[in-house]
Amino acid sequence: MTRDARPVRIAARMIRALGAGRMVGAWALGLAACPAAAADQVLPVPVATIYAGDVIKPTMLRDQTFPENYRPRLPVVDSAARAVGKIARRTLLPGETIPSIALEEAKLVTRGAPTTIVFEEHGVAISTLGTALANATVNEAVSVRNTATGRVIQGIVQPDGRVRTGQP
């Protein structure tokens, strides 16, 4: 008998002696005893309670490791960068993941607050003051009342907080 054939014969004897079912069970137990190389998930969680209406700052979050098989009930924020600068829509508890629907963009234009209306068309720009009639974020349409004339104007919120009307 060659040296390479010997382990095969020993395994065949063990299968006959233990029975096939017991051998499979022993094999499964052997696999269960081996540590799995699991890639843990790192998700941001609040350090302390964040209340509805609070703007999220980087110091309010920390990274926490969750097991690979962790599956939250709702889609959650996967990085702190996606949460910073947004407003909490509801109370967020420390150590718990942050549901994506619990955050909203910061409103650049708020209802009742004064804002600048800019009319731009064919290179001509005219600006005046107005009062926002609703909350709005960047690139969102909003109605604004012109304080000089009292007319309601529709415009698009710009990144600097102004409301642009007219054709670009």
C-alpha atoms as a PDB file:
ATOM      1  CA  MET A   1       0.000   0.000   0.000  1.00  0.00           C
ATOM      2  CA  THR A   2       1.335   3.426  -0.885  1.00  0.00           C
ATOM      3  CA  ARG A   3       1.674   6.189   1.608  1.00  0.00           C
ATOM      4  CA  ASP A   4      -0.910   8.439  -0.184  1.00  0.00           C
ATOM      5  CA  ALA A   5      -3.646   5.789  -0.122  1.00  0.00           C
ATOM      6  CA  ARG A   6      -3.455   5.257   3.629  1.00  0.00           C
ATOM      7  CA  PRO A   7      -5.559   8.328   4.749  1.00  0.00           C
ATOM      8  CA  VAL A   8      -8.279   7.372   2.271  1.00  0.00           C
ATOM      9  CA  ARG A   9      -8.512   3.856   3.697  1.00  0.00           C
ATOM     10  CA  ILE A  10      -8.648   5.211   7.241  1.00  0.00           C
ATOM     11  CA  ALA A  11     -11.482   7.592   6.318  1.00  0.00           C
ATOM     12  CA  ALA A  12     -13.363   4.744   4.635  1.00  0.00           C
ATOM     13  CA  ARG A  13     -13.069   2.617   7.792  1.00  0.00           C
ATOM     14  CA  MET A  14     -14.330   5.516   9.944  1.00  0.00           C
ATOM     15  CA  ILE A  15     -17.348   5.983   7.708  1.00  0.00           C
ATOM     16  CA  ARG A  16     -18.202   2.275   7.913  1.00  0.00           C
ATOM     17  CA  ALA A  17     -17.648   2.183  11.691  1.00  0.00           C
ATOM     18  CA  LEU A  18     -19.575   5.358  12.562  1.00  0.00           C
ATOM     19  CA  GLY A  19     -22.164   5.220   9.850  1.00  0.00           C
ATOM     20  CA  ALA A  20     -22.542   7.881   7.183  1.00  0.00           C
ATOM     21  CA  GLY A  21     -24.998  10.008   9.197  1.00  0.00           C
ATOM     22  CA  ARG A  22     -22.727  10.234  12.198  1.00  0.00           C
ATOM     23  CA  MET A  23     -19.779  11.153  10.022  1.00  0.00           C
ATOM     24  CA  VAL A  24     -21.690  14.001   8.405  1.00  0.00           C
ATOM     25  CA  GLY A  25     -22.753  15.220  11.853  1.00  0.00           C
ATOM     26  CA  ALA A  26     -19.153  15.101  13.095  1.00  0.00           C
ATOM     27  CA  TRP A  27     -18.011  16.970  10.000  1.00  0.00           C
ATOM     28  CA  ALA A  28     -20.681  19.667  10.548  1.00  0.00           C
ATOM     29  CA  LEU A  29     -19.630  20.058  14.176  1.00  0.00           C
ATOM     30  CA  GLY A  30     -16.052  20.456  13.058  1.00  0.00           C
ATOM     31  CA  LEU A  31     -17.043  23.265  10.718  1.00  0.00           C
ATOM     32  CA  ALA A  32     -19.111  24.978  13.379  1.00  0.00           C
ATOM     33  CA  ALA A  33     -16.123  24.998  15.704  1.00  0.00           C
ATOM     34  CA  CYS A  34     -13.994  26.909  13.182  1.00  0.00           C
ATOM     35  CA  PRO A  35     -14.223  30.664  13.582  1.00  0.00           C
ATOM     36  CA  ALA A  36     -15.785  32.313  10.540  1.00  0.00           C
ATOM     37  CA  ALA A  37     -13.926  35.206   8.987  1.00  0.00           C
ATOM     38  CA  ALA A  38     -16.776  37.678   9.277  1.00  0.00           C
ATOM     39  CA  ALA A  39     -16.496  41.210   7.952  1.00  0.00           C
ATOM     40  CA  ASP A  40     -18.197  43.404  10.530  1.00  0.00           C
ATOM     41  CA  GLN A  41     -20.242  46.442   9.520  1.00  0.00           C
ATOM     42  CA  VAL A  42     -19.279  49.871  10.825  1.00  0.00           C
ATOM     43  CA  LEU A  43     -22.250  52.248  11.077  1.00  0.00           C
ATOM     44  CA  PRO A  44     -22.585  55.695  12.656  1.00  0.00           C
ATOM     45  CA  VAL A  45     -24.625  56.006  15.857  1.00  0.00           C
ATOM     46  CA  PRO A  46     -25.411  59.014  18.070  1.00  0.00           C
ATOM     47  CA  VAL A  47     -23.130  59.597  21.077  1.00  0.00           C
ATOM     48  CA  ALA A  48     -25.988  61.187  23.025  1.00  0.00           C
ATOM     49  CA  THR A  49     -29.700  61.718  22.396  1.00  0.00           C
ATOM     50  CA  ILE A  50     -30.363  63.866  19.311  1.00  0.00           C
ATOM     51  CA  TYR A  51     -33.757  65.565  19.401  1.00  0.00           C
ATOM     52  CA  ALA A  52     -36.068  66.345  16.492  1.00  0.00           C
ATOM     53  CA  GLY A  53     -35.055  69.602  14.837  1.00  0.00           C
ATOM     54  CA  ASP A  54     -31.365  69.370  15.858  1.00  0.00           C
ATOM     55  CA  VAL A  55     -28.755  69.866  13.149  1.00  0.00           C
ATOM     56  CA  ILE A  56     -26.369  66.904  13.259  1.00  0.00           C
ATOM     57  CA  LYS A  57     -22.714  67.784  13.836  1.00  0.00           C
ATOM     58  CA  PRO A  58     -19.704  65.440  13.481  1.00  0.00           C
ATOM     59  CA  THR A  59     -19.139  65.455  17.267  1.00  0.00           C
ATOM     60  CA  MET A  60     -22.649  64.013  17.802  1.00  0.00           C
ATOM     61  CA  LEU A  61     -21.760  60.720  16.048  1.00  0.00           C
ATOM     62  CA  ARG A  62     -19.358  57.836  16.521  1.00  0.00           C
ATOM     63  CA  ASP A  63     -18.724  54.661  14.543  1.00  0.00           C
ATOM     64  CA  GLN A  64     -19.971  51.402  16.042  1.00  0.00           C
ATOM     65  CA  THR A  65     -19.242  47.887  14.832  1.00  0.00           C
ATOM     66  CA  PHE A  66     -22.164  45.568  14.093  1.00  0.00           C
ATOM     67  CA  PRO A  67     -21.974  41.867  13.123  1.00  0.00           C
ATOM     68  CA  GLU A  68     -22.016  40.988   9.437  1.00  0.00           C
ATOM     69  CA  ASN A  69     -25.468  39.415   9.746  1.00  0.00           C
ATOM     70  CA  TYR A  70     -27.017  42.518  11.390  1.00  0.00           C
ATOM     71  CA  ARG A  71     -30.019  43.606   9.333  1.00  0.00           C
ATOM     72  CA  PRO A  72     -31.921  46.698  10.517  1.00  0.00           C
ATOM     73  CA  ARG A  73     -35.683  46.909   9.952  1.00  0.00           C
ATOM     74  CA  LEU A  74     -35.327  50.125   7.919  1.00  0.00           C
ATOM     75  CA  PRO A  75     -32.563  51.386   5.625  1.00  0.00           C
ATOM     76  CA  VAL A  76     -29.957  53.167   7.741  1.00  0.00           C
ATOM     77  CA  VAL A  77     -27.314  55.834   7.187  1.00  0.00           C
ATOM     78  CA  ASP A  78     -24.082  54.013   6.278  1.00  0.00           C
ATOM     79  CA  SER A  79     -21.560  56.799   6.949  1.00  0.00           C
ATOM     80  CA  ALA A  80     -21.325  59.821   9.208  1.00  0.00           C
ATOM     81  CA  ALA A  81     -20.753  62.064   6.178  1.00  0.00           C
ATOM     82  CA  ARG A  82     -24.296  61.311   4.965  1.00  0.00           C
ATOM     83  CA  ALA A  83     -25.796  62.459   8.290  1.00  0.00           C
ATOM     84  CA  VAL A  84     -23.696  65.531   9.129  1.00  0.00           C
ATOM     85  CA  GLY A  85     -25.449  68.810   8.312  1.00  0.00           C
ATOM     86  CA  LYS A  86     -28.904  67.242   8.124  1.00  0.00           C
ATOM     87  CA  ILE A  87     -31.777  67.785  10.534  1.00  0.00           C
ATOM     88  CA  ALA A  88     -33.219  65.027  12.711  1.00  0.00           C
ATOM     89  CA  ARG A  89     -36.924  64.491  11.990  1.00  0.00           C
ATOM     90  CA  ARG A  90     -37.372  62.488  15.193  1.00  0.00           C
ATOM     91  CA  THR A  91     -35.448  61.673  18.376  1.00  0.00           C
ATOM     92  CA  LEU A  92     -32.359  59.532  17.757  1.00  0.00           C
ATOM     93  CA  LEU A  93     -31.146  57.416  20.667  1.00  0.00           C
ATOM     94  CA  PRO A  94     -27.478  56.843  21.559  1.00  0.00           C
ATOM     95  CA  GLY A  95     -25.941  53.592  20.340  1.00  0.00           C
ATOM     96  CA  GLU A  96     -28.732  52.879  17.840  1.00  0.00           C
ATOM     97  CA  THR A  97     -28.433  53.083  14.064  1.00  0.00           C
ATOM     98  CA  ILE A  98     -29.910  56.106  12.292  1.00  0.00           C
ATOM     99  CA  PRO A  99     -32.782  55.332   9.891  1.00  0.00           C
ATOM    100  CA  SER A 100     -32.463  57.196   6.580  1.00  0.00           C
ATOM    101  CA  ILE A 101     -36.043  58.456   6.859  1.00  0.00           C
ATOM    102  CA  ALA A 102     -35.245  60.072  10.225  1.00  0.00           C
ATOM    103  CA  LEU A 103     -33.119  62.756   8.529  1.00  0.00           C
ATOM    104  CA  GLU A 104     -33.973  65.625   6.219  1.00  0.00           C
ATOM    105  CA  GLU A 105     -32.003  68.269   4.396  1.00  0.00           C
ATOM    106  CA  ALA A 106     -31.446  71.555   6.179  1.00  0.00           C
ATOM    107  CA  LYS A 107     -33.949  74.168   5.045  1.00  0.00           C
ATOM    108  CA  LEU A 108     -32.231  77.185   3.520  1.00  0.00           C
ATOM    109  CA  VAL A 109     -35.484  79.095   3.206  1.00  0.00           C
ATOM    110  CA  THR A 110     -37.904  79.024   6.118  1.00  0.00           C
ATOM    111  CA  ARG A 111     -41.545  80.068   6.147  1.00  0.00           C
ATOM    112  CA  GLY A 112     -42.060  83.671   7.238  1.00  0.00           C
ATOM    113  CA  ALA A 113     -38.364  84.552   7.073  1.00  0.00           C
ATOM    114  CA  PRO A 114     -37.081  87.312   4.800  1.00  0.00           C
ATOM    115  CA  THR A 115     -35.215  86.162   1.709  1.00  0.00           C
ATOM    116  CA  THR A 116     -33.672  87.709  -1.378  1.00  0.00           C
ATOM    117  CA  ILE A 117     -35.518  87.233  -4.667  1.00  0.00           C
ATOM    118  CA  VAL A 118     -33.319  87.388  -7.758  1.00  0.00           C
ATOM    119  CA  PHE A 119     -34.781  87.711 -11.251  1.00  0.00           C
ATOM    120  CA  GLU A 120     -32.298  86.591 -13.899  1.00  0.00           C
ATOM    121  CA  GLU A 121     -32.966  86.568 -17.613  1.00  0.00           C
ATOM    122  CA  HIS A 122     -30.685  87.101 -20.617  1.00  0.00           C
ATOM    123  CA  GLY A 123     -27.821  88.360 -18.453  1.00  0.00           C
ATOM    124  CA  VAL A 124     -29.954  90.892 -16.537  1.00  0.00           C
ATOM    125  CA  ALA A 125     -30.251  90.413 -12.755  1.00  0.00           C
ATOM    126  CA  ILE A 126     -32.706  92.280 -10.510  1.00  0.00           C
ATOM    127  CA  SER A 127     -32.975  91.543  -6.797  1.00  0.00           C
ATOM    128  CA  THR A 128     -35.525  92.502  -4.144  1.00  0.00           C
ATOM    129  CA  LEU A 129     -36.664  91.337  -0.729  1.00  0.00           C
ATOM    130  CA  GLY A 130     -39.451  88.857  -0.123  1.00  0.00           C
ATOM    131  CA  THR A 131     -41.003  86.643   2.526  1.00  0.00           C
ATOM    132  CA  ALA A 132     -40.950  82.870   2.056  1.00  0.00           C
ATOM    133  CA  LEU A 133     -44.353  81.199   2.202  1.00  0.00           C
ATOM    134  CA  ALA A 134     -42.913  77.701   2.835  1.00  0.00           C
ATOM    135  CA  ASN A 135     -39.749  75.887   3.919  1.00  0.00           C
ATOM    136  CA  ALA A 136     -37.443  74.748   1.118  1.00  0.00           C
ATOM    137  CA  THR A 137     -34.035  73.207   0.471  1.00  0.00           C
ATOM    138  CA  VAL A 138     -31.570  73.688  -2.388  1.00  0.00           C
ATOM    139  CA  ASN A 139     -33.065  73.281  -5.900  1.00  0.00           C
ATOM    140  CA  GLU A 140     -36.590  73.096  -4.501  1.00  0.00           C
ATOM    141  CA  ALA A 141     -39.438  75.298  -5.756  1.00  0.00           C
ATOM    142  CA  VAL A 142     -40.890  77.755  -3.255  1.00  0.00           C
ATOM    143  CA  SER A 143     -43.453  80.548  -3.245  1.00  0.00           C
ATOM    144  CA  VAL A 144     -42.222  83.946  -2.048  1.00  0.00           C
ATOM    145  CA  ARG A 145     -44.239  87.134  -1.448  1.00  0.00           C
ATOM    146  CA  ASN A 146     -42.531  90.244  -2.825  1.00  0.00           C
ATOM    147  CA  THR A 147     -42.531  92.724   0.083  1.00  0.00           C
ATOM    148  CA  ALA A 148     -42.585  95.751  -2.245  1.00  0.00           C
ATOM    149  CA  THR A 149     -45.553  94.721  -4.404  1.00  0.00           C
ATOM    150  CA  GLY A 150     -47.309  92.002  -2.375  1.00  0.00           C
ATOM    151  CA  ARG A 151     -47.302  89.629  -5.375  1.00  0.00           C
ATOM    152  CA  VAL A 152     -46.547  85.933  -4.891  1.00  0.00           C
ATOM    153  CA  ILE A 153     -43.679  84.646  -7.029  1.00  0.00           C
ATOM    154  CA  GLN A 154     -42.483  81.086  -7.675  1.00  0.00           C
ATOM    155  CA  GLY A 155     -38.739  80.490  -7.615  1.00  0.00           C
ATOM    156  CA  ILE A 156     -35.985  77.937  -7.074  1.00  0.00           C
ATOM    157  CA  VAL A 157     -33.812  78.008  -3.935  1.00  0.00           C
ATOM    158  CA  GLN A 158     -30.116  78.499  -4.706  1.00  0.00           C
ATOM    159  CA  PRO A 159     -27.196  77.131  -2.613  1.00  0.00           C
ATOM    160  CA  ASP A 160     -26.584  80.602  -1.135  1.00  0.00           C
ATOM    161  CA  GLY A 161     -30.198  80.866   0.152  1.00  0.00           C
ATOM    162  CA  ARG A 162     -31.524  83.239  -2.511  1.00  0.00           C
ATOM    163  CA  VAL A 163     -34.625  82.437  -4.558  1.00  0.00           C
ATOM    164  CA  ARG A 164     -34.069  82.671  -8.332  1.00  0.00           C
ATOM    165  CA  THR A 165     -36.856  83.410 -10.811  1.00  0.00           C
ATOM    166  CA  GLY A 166     -36.833  83.909 -14.561  1.00  0.00           C
ATOM    167  CA  GLN A 167     -34.956  81.943 -17.238  1.00  0.00           C
ATOM    168  CA  PRO A 168     -31.203  81.290 -16.805  1.00  0.00           C
END
